[in-house]
Amino acid sequence: MGELAGILALGQDNAFGQPLESQMRSTLLAVWLAEAAGLPAQDRDTAYWTAQLRYLGCTAHAHEVAVMFGDDIATRARTVTYDASNPAEVLRDALVHGLPGRRGAARAVAIVSILAGGRKFAQMNFRSGCEAADVLAARLGMAQAVRDALACTFERWNGKGQPNRVQGEQIPLPMRIVYLTQDAEALARLRSHAEAITVIRQRSGHSYDPALVGEFVPVAAELFARLEKLDPWDAALGCEPEPRRVLAGTALDQALEVAADFIDLKSPFTAGHSRQVATLTAAACQRAGLPDAEVARARRAGRVHDLGRTAVPNSLWDKPGGLTRAELDRVQLHPLLTEQMLRRASALADLTPVAGCHHEKADGSGYCKGLTSERSAPQPGSWAQPTATRR
C-alpha cells in the first residue's frame, strides 16, 4: 500500500507541475513535525496517509480548471506557494490568469463573469475534488480519520478556505499538519529555507494553526537539512505506518482500479478508459492462449498504463483540433513518465515494460521508443510525424 500511495503521490506531483517526490518530501516533514510535537501514533499515521493522498481528487476537476485558466498544471503550480487563506491573493490570480483565450471587450466581459461567479466556481471545483478523494480513499481502505482529513484539503485555519469554510480546530489535526508541511516544502525548495520559515511565521493564525507553527519554526532548519540528505522515496516508504498492508490478488486488482480511475478522471472524454483497456487487453491475451499469470499482468498494466497523463495539461488532452509539433512532443512523453513512476515500486516492476510501451506500434511508428513488433531498436526517422491526433 505504501508503494501504491507513493505512485499516486507522484501522479499528484505531475498534476501540480512539481518535481517527482515533492509530495513525499512533504510527507516526511509531516511525520517529523508530528513526532517533534509529541503527537500520538494515530495522529502521526493519519498525517502520513493524508500527506501522500492530499490531492487524490485533483484530477476530478482538471477539465474545469483548464476551461477557466487554460493550462491546468501551470495554474496549480502557481498555487503551491501563494497564501490561499488570503481572498485578495486568490482573486488576483483569478483575474490575471482567468480565461486567457479572451481578448479585448470579450476579456472585460469575462472578468465581470469571474467576479460574479468566481466563488461559486471555486466551491464547486474544490467540493468535487474532496468528494472524489473521499470515494477513492474509501476504496483504498483508508481509515475514516484519513477520509475526514481529506475532506478539509482546501480549508484554512482562518475559515477562508473552501468549500465549507471550516476553521480552526474543527479542521482535523493531521490536515493542519499537512497544510503547513506541504507549503513549507514548496517554499523551501522554490525560494529558500530562511524565506520558508519567515513566510510560515507570517501566515500563522491565517493559513496555519499557531500552535503547530510554534512547534515547527524552532526545528524547521534541522528538518530541512535532514530532508536534503536522504532519498525521499525510500525514506517515505520507511515511514509507512504499521502494520503494513500487502496488496495481492484481488486486493491488488481493486487498488489498481483506483489508480485507473484517478487517471481517467482527468478528462470527461476518458471516463472508464483505463478499465476498458485492461478488460480488452486481458481478453486478447486469453484468446492468444497466454498463461493466467500473463493475462493478470496485462490486465494490471492496462489499468495503470496512462499514469503519465497527469503530467500533460488538459488544454492539450481536450483540445478540439490538431496538435502542434511542440504540443505533440509533450503528449508523447506520457508513456515514459508512466514507466518512470511504475519502476519505483518493486511490487509493480513487472508491469513497467508493458505499460511503458503502450503507444508503440508493430511497424516502429509509435512512441516514445519507436520499437517494432520484433522489439528492435528504434531507427532514425522512424518515429511518427505530428498529426491531428492526441492518442
Protein backbone atom coordinates (compact mmCIF):
# COMPACT_ATOMS: atom_id res chain seq x y z
CA MET A 1 0.00 0.00 0.00
CA GLY A 2 2.88 2.35 0.76
CA GLU A 3 4.27 1.89 -2.73
CA LEU A 4 0.88 2.40 -4.36
CA ALA A 5 0.23 5.55 -2.31
CA GLY A 6 3.71 6.72 -3.36
CA ILE A 7 2.88 6.17 -7.03
CA LEU A 8 -0.33 8.17 -6.59
CA ALA A 9 1.68 10.91 -4.87
CA LEU A 10 3.95 11.07 -7.93
CA GLY A 11 0.86 11.46 -10.10
CA GLN A 12 -0.23 14.35 -7.89
CA ASP A 13 3.23 15.92 -8.25
CA ASN A 14 2.80 15.82 -12.02
CA ALA A 15 -0.68 17.34 -11.78
CA PHE A 16 0.78 20.31 -9.87
CA GLY A 17 3.79 20.75 -12.11
CA GLN A 18 6.20 19.85 -9.31
CA PRO A 19 9.29 17.62 -9.39
CA LEU A 20 8.62 13.98 -8.62
CA GLU A 21 8.83 13.19 -4.89
CA SER A 22 7.83 16.71 -3.80
CA GLN A 23 4.78 15.31 -2.05
CA MET A 24 6.84 12.53 -0.50
CA ARG A 25 9.24 15.16 0.88
CA SER A 26 6.31 16.96 2.48
CA THR A 27 5.09 13.62 3.85
CA LEU A 28 8.38 13.21 5.67
CA LEU A 29 8.12 16.74 7.08
CA ALA A 30 4.59 15.93 8.28
CA VAL A 31 5.72 12.78 10.08
CA TRP A 32 8.72 14.54 11.62
CA LEU A 33 6.62 17.51 12.78
CA ALA A 34 4.10 15.15 14.38
CA GLU A 35 6.96 13.42 16.20
CA ALA A 36 8.54 16.72 17.28
CA ALA A 37 5.18 17.85 18.66
CA GLY A 38 4.87 14.61 20.64
CA LEU A 39 1.60 13.64 18.98
CA PRO A 40 0.10 10.16 19.40
CA ALA A 41 0.98 7.49 16.84
CA GLN A 42 -2.57 7.60 15.44
CA ASP A 43 -2.22 11.29 14.51
CA ARG A 44 1.23 10.70 13.03
CA ASP A 45 -0.02 7.77 10.93
CA THR A 46 -3.08 9.70 9.75
CA ALA A 47 -0.82 12.61 8.79
CA TYR A 48 1.31 10.20 6.73
CA TRP A 49 -1.58 8.93 4.60
CA THR A 50 -3.15 12.39 4.40
CA ALA A 51 0.08 13.87 3.05
CA GLN A 52 0.50 11.09 0.48
CA LEU A 53 -3.08 11.34 -0.75
CA ARG A 54 -3.93 15.00 -0.14
CA TYR A 55 -4.67 15.77 -3.80
CA LEU A 56 -6.08 12.35 -4.70
CA GLY A 57 -9.16 14.09 -6.10
CA CYS A 58 -7.22 16.71 -8.09
CA THR A 59 -7.90 15.03 -11.43
CA ALA A 60 -11.65 15.29 -10.85
CA HIS A 61 -11.69 18.99 -11.70
CA ALA A 62 -8.71 19.30 -14.07
CA HIS A 63 -11.02 19.84 -17.05
CA GLU A 64 -12.90 22.66 -15.35
CA VAL A 65 -9.67 24.34 -14.22
CA ALA A 66 -8.39 24.16 -17.80
CA VAL A 67 -11.59 25.71 -19.14
CA MET A 68 -11.22 28.63 -16.73
CA PHE A 69 -7.43 29.11 -16.77
CA GLY A 70 -6.03 27.32 -19.84
CA ASP A 71 -3.14 25.14 -18.64
CA ASP A 72 -4.40 23.39 -15.51
CA ILE A 73 -0.90 22.23 -14.50
CA ALA A 74 0.61 25.72 -14.74
CA THR A 75 -2.38 27.04 -12.81
CA ARG A 76 -1.85 24.59 -9.97
CA ALA A 77 1.89 25.22 -9.97
CA ARG A 78 1.19 28.87 -9.16
CA THR A 79 -0.80 27.87 -6.09
CA VAL A 80 1.90 25.89 -4.28
CA THR A 81 3.43 28.97 -2.65
CA TYR A 82 0.68 31.56 -2.50
CA ASP A 83 -1.46 32.26 0.53
CA ALA A 84 -4.77 30.51 -0.06
CA SER A 85 -6.12 31.96 3.20
CA ASN A 86 -6.00 35.44 1.65
CA PRO A 87 -9.07 36.00 -0.58
CA ALA A 88 -7.42 39.02 -2.23
CA GLU A 89 -4.47 36.91 -3.39
CA VAL A 90 -6.75 34.19 -4.72
CA LEU A 91 -8.94 36.73 -6.54
CA ARG A 92 -5.92 38.49 -8.04
CA ASP A 93 -4.70 35.21 -9.51
CA ALA A 94 -8.14 34.52 -11.00
CA LEU A 95 -8.37 37.98 -12.56
CA VAL A 96 -4.86 37.92 -14.01
CA HIS A 97 -4.92 34.39 -15.37
CA GLY A 98 -8.60 33.54 -15.83
CA LEU A 99 -9.97 32.81 -19.33
CA PRO A 100 -6.66 33.54 -21.14
CA GLY A 101 -8.20 32.95 -24.57
CA ARG A 102 -10.40 36.05 -24.28
CA ARG A 103 -9.19 39.39 -25.65
CA GLY A 104 -10.44 42.98 -25.73
CA ALA A 105 -14.10 43.53 -24.91
CA ALA A 106 -14.62 39.78 -24.51
CA ARG A 107 -11.93 39.81 -21.83
CA ALA A 108 -13.75 42.58 -19.94
CA VAL A 109 -16.98 40.59 -20.01
CA ALA A 110 -15.06 37.53 -18.82
CA ILE A 111 -13.61 39.44 -15.86
CA VAL A 112 -17.12 40.50 -14.81
CA SER A 113 -18.16 36.86 -15.05
CA ILE A 114 -15.29 35.78 -12.80
CA LEU A 115 -16.18 38.45 -10.25
CA ALA A 116 -19.83 37.37 -10.27
CA GLY A 117 -19.39 33.63 -10.18
CA GLY A 118 -15.82 33.03 -9.09
CA ARG A 119 -16.63 31.98 -5.53
CA LYS A 120 -19.32 29.56 -6.62
CA PHE A 121 -16.98 28.14 -9.28
CA ALA A 122 -14.27 27.64 -6.64
CA GLN A 123 -16.67 25.96 -4.23
CA MET A 124 -17.91 23.60 -6.93
CA ASN A 125 -14.40 22.60 -8.01
CA PHE A 126 -12.97 22.17 -4.53
CA ARG A 127 -16.05 20.22 -3.46
CA SER A 128 -15.73 17.86 -6.42
CA GLY A 129 -12.06 17.32 -5.59
CA CYS A 130 -12.85 16.47 -1.97
CA GLU A 131 -15.71 14.16 -2.91
CA ALA A 132 -13.60 12.29 -5.47
CA ALA A 133 -10.76 11.93 -2.96
CA ASP A 134 -13.15 10.52 -0.37
CA VAL A 135 -14.53 7.90 -2.77
CA LEU A 136 -11.07 6.83 -3.93
CA ALA A 137 -9.64 6.78 -0.39
CA ALA A 138 -12.55 4.65 0.81
CA ARG A 139 -11.91 2.18 -1.99
CA LEU A 140 -8.26 2.01 -0.92
CA GLY A 141 -9.45 1.03 2.56
CA MET A 142 -8.21 4.19 4.25
CA ALA A 143 -9.38 4.80 7.82
CA GLN A 144 -12.21 7.24 8.49
CA ALA A 145 -9.71 9.61 10.13
CA VAL A 146 -7.83 9.91 6.84
CA ARG A 147 -11.05 10.50 4.92
CA ASP A 148 -12.13 13.17 7.43
CA ALA A 149 -8.81 14.93 6.96
CA LEU A 150 -9.03 14.78 3.15
CA ALA A 151 -12.49 16.38 3.33
CA CYS A 152 -10.70 19.53 4.57
CA THR A 153 -7.98 19.56 1.90
CA PHE A 154 -8.73 23.14 0.86
CA GLU A 155 -9.94 24.60 4.16
CA ARG A 156 -7.81 27.07 6.14
CA TRP A 157 -7.29 27.91 9.83
CA ASN A 158 -8.97 31.33 9.49
CA GLY A 159 -12.08 29.86 7.86
CA LYS A 160 -11.41 31.42 4.45
CA GLY A 161 -10.79 28.16 2.65
CA GLN A 162 -13.13 26.06 0.52
CA PRO A 163 -15.67 24.59 0.09
CA ASN A 164 -17.29 24.63 3.57
CA ARG A 165 -15.41 27.39 5.39
CA VAL A 166 -14.31 25.02 8.14
CA GLN A 167 -11.95 26.77 10.54
CA GLY A 168 -9.62 26.37 13.50
CA GLU A 169 -9.61 23.15 15.44
CA GLN A 170 -12.64 21.93 13.52
CA ILE A 171 -10.11 21.01 10.84
CA PRO A 172 -8.58 17.62 11.75
CA LEU A 173 -5.13 17.98 13.26
CA PRO A 174 -3.40 15.74 10.65
CA MET A 175 -4.64 18.00 7.85
CA ARG A 176 -3.48 21.09 9.73
CA ILE A 177 -0.04 19.48 9.86
CA VAL A 178 -0.13 18.68 6.15
CA TYR A 179 -1.14 22.25 5.18
CA LEU A 180 1.90 23.58 6.93
CA THR A 181 4.45 21.00 5.78
CA GLN A 182 3.39 20.93 2.12
CA ASP A 183 3.66 24.70 1.92
CA ALA A 184 6.95 24.63 3.82
CA GLU A 185 8.41 22.06 1.42
CA ALA A 186 7.44 24.10 -1.65
CA LEU A 187 8.63 27.41 -0.17
CA ALA A 188 11.96 25.94 0.91
CA ARG A 189 12.52 24.29 -2.48
CA LEU A 190 11.39 27.18 -4.69
CA ARG A 191 12.70 30.07 -2.57
CA SER A 192 14.97 29.33 0.41
CA HIS A 193 14.89 27.66 3.79
CA ALA A 194 15.05 31.04 5.54
CA GLU A 195 12.23 32.53 3.49
CA ALA A 196 10.09 29.44 4.07
CA ILE A 197 10.42 29.89 7.84
CA THR A 198 9.63 33.60 7.55
CA VAL A 199 6.51 33.00 5.45
CA ILE A 200 5.27 30.25 7.76
CA ARG A 201 5.57 32.67 10.69
CA GLN A 202 3.72 35.40 8.77
CA ARG A 203 0.83 33.08 7.94
CA SER A 204 0.41 31.82 11.48
CA GLY A 205 -3.21 32.24 12.52
CA HIS A 206 -4.28 32.69 8.90
CA SER A 207 -3.36 29.58 6.92
CA TYR A 208 -1.82 27.62 9.77
CA ASP A 209 -2.55 26.54 13.31
CA PRO A 210 -0.43 28.88 15.52
CA ALA A 211 0.40 26.05 17.91
CA LEU A 212 1.84 23.97 15.05
CA VAL A 213 3.79 26.95 13.77
CA GLY A 214 5.24 27.23 17.27
CA GLU A 215 6.34 23.59 17.10
CA PHE A 216 7.66 23.82 13.55
CA VAL A 217 9.71 27.02 13.50
CA PRO A 218 12.30 26.00 16.16
CA VAL A 219 13.10 22.73 14.34
CA ALA A 220 12.48 23.83 10.73
CA ALA A 221 16.12 24.41 9.78
CA GLU A 222 17.06 21.00 11.17
CA LEU A 223 14.20 19.28 9.30
CA PHE A 224 15.05 20.99 6.01
CA ALA A 225 18.69 19.93 6.36
CA ARG A 226 17.65 16.39 7.20
CA LEU A 227 15.41 16.31 4.13
CA GLU A 228 18.29 17.17 1.79
CA LYS A 229 20.39 14.20 2.94
CA LEU A 230 18.08 11.32 2.08
CA ASP A 231 16.21 9.68 -0.77
CA PRO A 232 12.57 10.78 -0.36
CA TRP A 233 11.08 7.62 -1.89
CA ASP A 234 12.98 5.20 0.32
CA ALA A 235 12.60 7.36 3.42
CA ALA A 236 8.85 7.80 2.95
CA LEU A 237 8.36 4.06 2.45
CA GLY A 238 10.39 3.53 5.59
CA CYS A 239 7.88 5.69 7.49
CA GLU A 240 4.84 3.75 6.29
CA PRO A 241 2.65 3.04 9.33
CA GLU A 242 2.50 -0.45 10.82
CA PRO A 243 1.01 -2.92 10.22
CA ARG A 244 1.86 -2.56 6.55
CA ARG A 245 -0.78 -3.79 4.15
CA VAL A 246 0.41 -6.10 1.39
CA LEU A 247 -1.74 -5.97 -1.72
CA ALA A 248 -2.00 -9.18 -3.70
CA GLY A 249 -4.56 -10.95 -5.86
CA THR A 250 -8.00 -9.34 -5.79
CA ALA A 251 -6.87 -6.66 -3.34
CA LEU A 252 -4.15 -5.54 -5.75
CA ASP A 253 -6.59 -5.54 -8.66
CA GLN A 254 -9.04 -3.36 -6.73
CA ALA A 255 -6.29 -0.94 -5.69
CA LEU A 256 -5.06 -0.62 -9.28
CA GLU A 257 -8.63 0.15 -10.34
CA VAL A 258 -8.45 3.14 -8.00
CA ALA A 259 -5.30 4.24 -9.83
CA ALA A 260 -7.11 3.77 -13.14
CA ASP A 261 -9.99 5.98 -12.06
CA PHE A 262 -7.62 8.58 -10.59
CA ILE A 263 -6.04 8.82 -14.05
CA ASP A 264 -9.22 8.81 -16.10
CA LEU A 265 -11.00 11.46 -14.03
CA LYS A 266 -8.61 13.97 -15.60
CA SER A 267 -10.80 14.39 -18.67
CA PRO A 268 -14.53 13.82 -19.26
CA PHE A 269 -13.51 12.17 -22.53
CA THR A 270 -11.52 9.38 -20.83
CA ALA A 271 -14.00 8.18 -18.20
CA GLY A 272 -13.56 4.41 -17.87
CA HIS A 273 -10.78 4.32 -20.49
CA SER A 274 -8.13 2.51 -18.41
CA ARG A 275 -10.65 -0.03 -17.10
CA GLN A 276 -11.73 -0.82 -20.66
CA VAL A 277 -8.14 -1.07 -21.89
CA ALA A 278 -7.46 -3.55 -19.08
CA THR A 279 -10.52 -5.62 -19.99
CA LEU A 280 -9.76 -5.72 -23.72
CA THR A 281 -6.08 -6.47 -23.16
CA ALA A 282 -6.81 -9.38 -20.84
CA ALA A 283 -9.39 -10.78 -23.26
CA ALA A 284 -6.90 -10.60 -26.14
CA CYS A 285 -4.26 -12.38 -24.06
CA GLN A 286 -6.76 -15.12 -23.19
CA ARG A 287 -7.65 -15.60 -26.85
CA ALA A 288 -3.94 -15.86 -27.62
CA GLY A 289 -3.66 -18.70 -25.10
CA LEU A 290 -1.28 -16.94 -22.75
CA PRO A 291 -0.86 -18.29 -19.20
CA ASP A 292 -3.14 -16.93 -16.48
CA ALA A 293 -0.23 -15.06 -14.88
CA GLU A 294 0.40 -13.16 -18.13
CA VAL A 295 -3.29 -12.39 -18.51
CA ALA A 296 -3.33 -10.91 -14.99
CA ARG A 297 -0.16 -8.95 -15.71
CA ALA A 298 -1.63 -7.50 -18.90
CA ARG A 299 -4.87 -6.56 -17.13
CA ARG A 300 -2.99 -4.77 -14.36
CA ALA A 301 -0.71 -2.97 -16.81
CA GLY A 302 -3.81 -1.79 -18.66
CA ARG A 303 -5.15 -0.19 -15.51
CA VAL A 304 -2.04 1.91 -14.90
CA HIS A 305 -0.72 2.44 -18.44
CA ASP A 306 -1.77 6.11 -18.54
CA LEU A 307 -0.30 7.27 -15.22
CA GLY A 308 1.90 9.73 -17.10
CA ARG A 309 -1.16 11.54 -18.44
CA THR A 310 -1.35 13.60 -15.26
CA ALA A 311 1.81 15.45 -16.38
CA VAL A 312 0.16 16.74 -19.57
CA PRO A 313 -2.33 19.63 -19.29
CA ASN A 314 -5.96 19.27 -20.24
CA SER A 315 -5.52 22.16 -22.64
CA LEU A 316 -3.81 19.53 -24.83
CA TRP A 317 -5.83 16.42 -23.98
CA ASP A 318 -9.13 18.21 -24.52
CA LYS A 319 -8.02 20.40 -27.44
CA PRO A 320 -10.71 20.25 -30.15
CA GLY A 321 -8.26 20.39 -33.09
CA GLY A 322 -4.90 19.02 -34.09
CA LEU A 323 -1.75 19.48 -32.03
CA THR A 324 1.33 21.47 -32.96
CA ARG A 325 4.68 19.70 -33.09
CA ALA A 326 5.64 21.07 -29.67
CA GLU A 327 2.29 20.00 -28.18
CA LEU A 328 2.62 16.53 -29.62
CA ASP A 329 6.13 16.26 -28.21
CA ARG A 330 4.71 16.94 -24.78
CA VAL A 331 1.92 14.41 -25.19
CA GLN A 332 4.37 11.76 -26.39
CA LEU A 333 6.27 11.94 -23.11
CA HIS A 334 3.46 10.37 -21.09
CA PRO A 335 4.39 6.67 -21.66
CA LEU A 336 7.94 7.44 -20.50
CA LEU A 337 6.57 9.13 -17.38
CA THR A 338 4.35 6.11 -16.71
CA GLU A 339 7.43 3.91 -16.86
CA GLN A 340 9.46 6.19 -14.60
CA MET A 341 6.73 6.18 -11.98
CA LEU A 342 5.98 2.45 -12.02
CA ARG A 343 9.56 1.27 -11.88
CA ARG A 344 9.97 2.83 -8.43
CA ALA A 345 7.59 0.27 -6.94
CA SER A 346 9.10 -3.20 -6.67
CA ALA A 347 5.63 -4.74 -6.45
CA LEU A 348 4.70 -3.23 -9.83
CA ALA A 349 8.03 -3.77 -11.60
CA ASP A 350 6.69 -6.49 -13.89
CA LEU A 351 4.02 -4.09 -15.21
CA THR A 352 6.56 -1.45 -16.23
CA PRO A 353 7.71 -2.77 -19.64
CA VAL A 354 4.14 -3.43 -20.74
CA ALA A 355 2.63 -0.14 -19.56
CA GLY A 356 5.60 1.90 -20.78
CA CYS A 357 5.21 0.61 -24.34
CA HIS A 358 1.50 1.21 -24.76
CA HIS A 359 1.94 3.64 -27.66
CA GLU A 360 4.47 1.57 -29.59
CA LYS A 361 3.35 0.14 -32.95
CA ALA A 362 4.29 -3.01 -34.81
CA ASP A 363 5.91 -1.07 -37.67
CA GLY A 364 8.02 1.12 -35.36
CA SER A 365 6.00 4.30 -35.95
CA GLY A 366 4.80 4.59 -32.36
CA TYR A 367 6.29 6.46 -29.42
CA CYS A 368 8.29 7.12 -27.42
CA LYS A 369 10.85 4.35 -28.15
CA GLY A 370 9.98 3.55 -31.76
CA LEU A 371 10.01 -0.21 -31.08
CA THR A 372 8.76 -2.72 -33.65
CA SER A 373 6.90 -5.96 -33.02
CA GLU A 374 10.30 -7.68 -33.01
CA ARG A 375 11.44 -5.25 -30.29
CA SER A 376 14.24 -3.90 -32.47
CA ALA A 377 15.92 -0.64 -31.53
CA PRO A 378 14.29 2.48 -32.98
CA GLN A 379 15.76 3.67 -36.25
CA PRO A 380 16.45 7.34 -37.06
CA GLY A 381 13.40 8.92 -38.63
CA SER A 382 11.14 6.00 -37.67
CA TRP A 383 9.04 7.92 -35.17
CA ALA A 384 5.63 9.14 -36.24
CA GLN A 385 5.41 12.70 -37.53
CA PRO A 386 2.98 15.11 -35.82
CA THR A 387 -0.58 14.58 -36.93
CA ALA A 388 -4.01 15.76 -35.83
CA THR A 389 -4.26 13.11 -33.15
CA ARG A 390 -3.82 13.00 -29.42
CA ARG A 391 -3.71 9.26 -28.98
